[in-house]
Amino acid sequence: MKSFSIKDLLTKMTIQLQSLENKIDVIDERTKSYPKLYDNVDKLLMEVVENRQERTFIHSRLDNHEQRLGVLEKQF
């Protein structure tokens, strides 16, 4: 088994630490736009939900109108 001096170990640890810091910097750079993406996705999903709710409301009103028109057509 090869023995390392404390200086060698510290040098290796310093190199590894620098490598990790560089990787963290890359991750930070890649993910800095995520909050904007999340905000935009949230807005889009809210529009989808609102659209579905509106269609449901309009559908129920249309059904109601069709029933009323059916009653009127039967009377004439």
N, C-alpha and C. Protein backbone atom coordinates (compact mmCIF):
# COMPACT_ATOMS: atom_id res chain seq x y z
N MET A 1 0.84 -1.17 0.00
CA MET A 1 0.00 0.00 0.00
C MET A 1 0.88 1.24 0.00
N LYS A 2 0.55 2.14 -0.88
CA LYS A 2 1.36 3.34 -1.04
C LYS A 2 0.93 4.38 -0.02
N SER A 3 1.90 4.99 0.64
CA SER A 3 1.57 6.03 1.61
C SER A 3 1.76 7.40 0.98
N PHE A 4 0.85 8.29 1.33
CA PHE A 4 0.91 9.65 0.81
C PHE A 4 1.27 10.60 1.94
N SER A 5 1.97 11.63 1.57
CA SER A 5 2.29 12.64 2.57
C SER A 5 1.06 13.54 2.75
N ILE A 6 1.05 14.24 3.82
CA ILE A 6 -0.07 15.16 4.09
C ILE A 6 -0.15 16.21 2.99
N LYS A 7 0.98 16.65 2.51
CA LYS A 7 1.01 17.65 1.44
C LYS A 7 0.34 17.09 0.18
N ASP A 8 0.66 15.83 -0.16
CA ASP A 8 0.05 15.20 -1.33
C ASP A 8 -1.46 15.08 -1.16
N LEU A 9 -1.88 14.66 0.01
CA LEU A 9 -3.31 14.52 0.27
C LEU A 9 -4.02 15.86 0.19
N LEU A 10 -3.42 16.89 0.77
CA LEU A 10 -4.02 18.22 0.71
C LEU A 10 -4.08 18.74 -0.73
N THR A 11 -3.06 18.46 -1.49
CA THR A 11 -3.05 18.88 -2.89
C THR A 11 -4.17 18.19 -3.66
N LYS A 12 -4.32 16.89 -3.45
CA LYS A 12 -5.40 16.14 -4.13
C LYS A 12 -6.77 16.65 -3.70
N MET A 13 -6.91 16.93 -2.42
CA MET A 13 -8.20 17.42 -1.92
C MET A 13 -8.51 18.81 -2.49
N THR A 14 -7.50 19.63 -2.61
CA THR A 14 -7.68 20.96 -3.17
C THR A 14 -8.12 20.87 -4.63
N ILE A 15 -7.50 19.98 -5.38
CA ILE A 15 -7.86 19.77 -6.78
C ILE A 15 -9.30 19.28 -6.89
N GLN A 16 -9.66 18.33 -6.03
CA GLN A 16 -11.04 17.82 -6.05
C GLN A 16 -12.04 18.90 -5.67
N LEU A 17 -11.70 19.72 -4.72
CA LEU A 17 -12.57 20.80 -4.29
C LEU A 17 -12.77 21.81 -5.42
N GLN A 18 -11.71 22.15 -6.11
CA GLN A 18 -11.81 23.07 -7.25
C GLN A 18 -12.68 22.46 -8.35
N SER A 19 -12.52 21.19 -8.57
CA SER A 19 -13.35 20.52 -9.58
C SER A 19 -14.82 20.57 -9.19
N LEU A 20 -15.11 20.32 -7.94
CA LEU A 20 -16.49 20.39 -7.46
C LEU A 20 -17.06 21.80 -7.57
N GLU A 21 -16.26 22.78 -7.23
CA GLU A 21 -16.71 24.18 -7.35
C GLU A 21 -17.01 24.53 -8.80
N ASN A 22 -16.19 24.05 -9.72
CA ASN A 22 -16.43 24.30 -11.14
C ASN A 22 -17.74 23.65 -11.59
N LYS A 23 -17.99 22.43 -11.10
CA LYS A 23 -19.23 21.74 -11.46
C LYS A 23 -20.44 22.48 -10.89
N ILE A 24 -20.31 23.00 -9.68
CA ILE A 24 -21.40 23.76 -9.07
C ILE A 24 -21.66 25.03 -9.88
N ASP A 25 -20.61 25.67 -10.34
CA ASP A 25 -20.77 26.87 -11.16
C ASP A 25 -21.52 26.55 -12.46
N VAL A 26 -21.19 25.43 -13.06
CA VAL A 26 -21.87 25.01 -14.28
C VAL A 26 -23.35 24.75 -14.00
N ILE A 27 -23.63 24.07 -12.91
CA ILE A 27 -25.03 23.79 -12.53
C ILE A 27 -25.77 25.10 -12.27
N ASP A 28 -25.15 26.02 -11.57
CA ASP A 28 -25.78 27.32 -11.30
C ASP A 28 -26.08 28.05 -12.61
N GLU A 29 -25.17 28.01 -13.53
CA GLU A 29 -25.37 28.69 -14.82
C GLU A 29 -26.51 28.06 -15.60
N ARG A 30 -26.59 26.74 -15.57
CA ARG A 30 -27.63 26.03 -16.32
C ARG A 30 -29.01 26.22 -15.70
N THR A 31 -29.07 26.39 -14.42
CA THR A 31 -30.36 26.45 -13.74
C THR A 31 -30.83 27.85 -13.40
N LYS A 32 -30.10 28.86 -13.77
CA LYS A 32 -30.49 30.22 -13.39
C LYS A 32 -31.79 30.67 -14.05
N SER A 33 -32.16 30.07 -15.16
CA SER A 33 -33.39 30.47 -15.83
C SER A 33 -34.60 29.65 -15.37
N TYR A 34 -34.44 28.70 -14.48
CA TYR A 34 -35.55 27.86 -14.02
C TYR A 34 -36.68 28.65 -13.37
N PRO A 35 -36.39 29.64 -12.51
CA PRO A 35 -37.52 30.38 -11.93
C PRO A 35 -38.42 31.02 -12.99
N LYS A 36 -37.83 31.58 -14.04
CA LYS A 36 -38.63 32.16 -15.13
C LYS A 36 -39.45 31.07 -15.81
N LEU A 37 -38.84 29.94 -16.03
CA LEU A 37 -39.54 28.83 -16.67
C LEU A 37 -40.73 28.40 -15.81
N TYR A 38 -40.51 28.26 -14.52
CA TYR A 38 -41.60 27.86 -13.63
C TYR A 38 -42.73 28.88 -13.64
N ASP A 39 -42.39 30.16 -13.63
CA ASP A 39 -43.41 31.21 -13.68
C ASP A 39 -44.23 31.12 -14.96
N ASN A 40 -43.55 30.92 -16.07
CA ASN A 40 -44.26 30.82 -17.35
C ASN A 40 -45.13 29.58 -17.44
N VAL A 41 -44.63 28.48 -16.92
CA VAL A 41 -45.42 27.24 -16.92
C VAL A 41 -46.65 27.42 -16.03
N ASP A 42 -46.47 28.07 -14.88
CA ASP A 42 -47.60 28.33 -13.99
C ASP A 42 -48.67 29.17 -14.68
N LYS A 43 -48.24 30.21 -15.38
CA LYS A 43 -49.19 31.06 -16.10
C LYS A 43 -49.93 30.28 -17.17
N LEU A 44 -49.20 29.46 -17.90
CA LEU A 44 -49.82 28.66 -18.95
C LEU A 44 -50.83 27.68 -18.37
N LEU A 45 -50.47 27.01 -17.30
CA LEU A 45 -51.38 26.06 -16.68
C LEU A 45 -52.62 26.74 -16.11
N MET A 46 -52.45 27.94 -15.57
CA MET A 46 -53.61 28.68 -15.08
C MET A 46 -54.56 29.01 -16.23
N GLU A 47 -54.02 29.38 -17.38
CA GLU A 47 -54.86 29.66 -18.55
C GLU A 47 -55.59 28.40 -19.00
N VAL A 48 -54.92 27.27 -18.97
CA VAL A 48 -55.55 26.01 -19.36
C VAL A 48 -56.70 25.69 -18.40
N VAL A 49 -56.45 25.84 -17.11
CA VAL A 49 -57.48 25.56 -16.11
C VAL A 49 -58.66 26.51 -16.29
N GLU A 50 -58.37 27.80 -16.47
CA GLU A 50 -59.44 28.78 -16.66
C GLU A 50 -60.25 28.48 -17.91
N ASN A 51 -59.55 28.07 -18.97
CA ASN A 51 -60.23 27.74 -20.23
C ASN A 51 -61.16 26.56 -20.03
N ARG A 52 -60.71 25.55 -19.32
CA ARG A 52 -61.56 24.37 -19.06
C ARG A 52 -62.76 24.74 -18.22
N GLN A 53 -62.56 25.58 -17.22
CA GLN A 53 -63.69 26.00 -16.38
C GLN A 53 -64.70 26.80 -17.20
N GLU A 54 -64.18 27.67 -18.05
CA GLU A 54 -65.07 28.48 -18.89
C GLU A 54 -65.85 27.61 -19.86
N ARG A 55 -65.20 26.62 -20.45
CA ARG A 55 -65.90 25.72 -21.38
C ARG A 55 -66.98 24.93 -20.65
N THR A 56 -66.70 24.51 -19.44
CA THR A 56 -67.70 23.79 -18.65
C THR A 56 -68.90 24.68 -18.37
N PHE A 57 -68.64 25.92 -17.99
CA PHE A 57 -69.71 26.88 -17.72
C PHE A 57 -70.54 27.14 -18.98
N ILE A 58 -69.86 27.38 -20.09
CA ILE A 58 -70.56 27.65 -21.35
C ILE A 58 -71.37 26.43 -21.79
N HIS A 59 -70.81 25.25 -21.59
CA HIS A 59 -71.52 24.02 -21.96
C HIS A 59 -72.83 23.89 -21.16
N SER A 60 -72.76 24.17 -19.87
CA SER A 60 -73.98 24.05 -19.06
C SER A 60 -75.02 25.10 -19.47
N ARG A 61 -74.55 26.31 -19.79
CA ARG A 61 -75.50 27.34 -20.25
C ARG A 61 -76.11 26.95 -21.59
N LEU A 62 -75.31 26.37 -22.48
CA LEU A 62 -75.81 25.95 -23.79
C LEU A 62 -76.84 24.84 -23.63
N ASP A 63 -76.58 23.89 -22.75
CA ASP A 63 -77.56 22.83 -22.48
C ASP A 63 -78.87 23.42 -21.97
N ASN A 64 -78.77 24.38 -21.08
CA ASN A 64 -79.96 25.02 -20.53
C ASN A 64 -80.74 25.71 -21.65
N HIS A 65 -80.05 26.41 -22.54
CA HIS A 65 -80.72 27.09 -23.66
C HIS A 65 -81.38 26.07 -24.59
N GLU A 66 -80.70 24.98 -24.85
CA GLU A 66 -81.27 23.95 -25.73
C GLU A 66 -82.55 23.37 -25.13
N GLN A 67 -82.54 23.14 -23.81
CA GLN A 67 -83.74 22.62 -23.16
C GLN A 67 -84.89 23.63 -23.25
N ARG A 68 -84.59 24.89 -23.02
CA ARG A 68 -85.63 25.92 -23.08
C ARG A 68 -86.18 26.06 -24.49
N LEU A 69 -85.29 25.99 -25.49
CA LEU A 69 -85.74 26.09 -26.88
C LEU A 69 -86.60 24.88 -27.24
N GLY A 70 -86.23 23.72 -26.72
CA GLY A 70 -87.04 22.51 -26.96
C GLY A 70 -88.45 22.67 -26.40
N VAL A 71 -88.55 23.24 -25.23
CA VAL A 71 -89.87 23.47 -24.62
C VAL A 71 -90.66 24.46 -25.48
N LEU A 72 -90.02 25.52 -25.93
CA LEU A 72 -90.71 26.51 -26.76
C LEU A 72 -91.15 25.90 -28.10
N GLU A 73 -90.29 25.09 -28.71
CA GLU A 73 -90.65 24.47 -30.00
C GLU A 73 -91.85 23.53 -29.84
N LYS A 74 -91.93 22.85 -28.74
CA LYS A 74 -93.07 21.96 -28.51
C LYS A 74 -94.37 22.73 -28.35
N GLN A 75 -94.29 23.94 -27.84
CA GLN A 75 -95.49 24.74 -27.64
C GLN A 75 -96.02 25.29 -28.96
N PHE A 76 -95.18 25.46 -29.93
CA PHE A 76 -95.64 26.04 -31.20
C PHE A 76 -95.74 25.03 -32.26
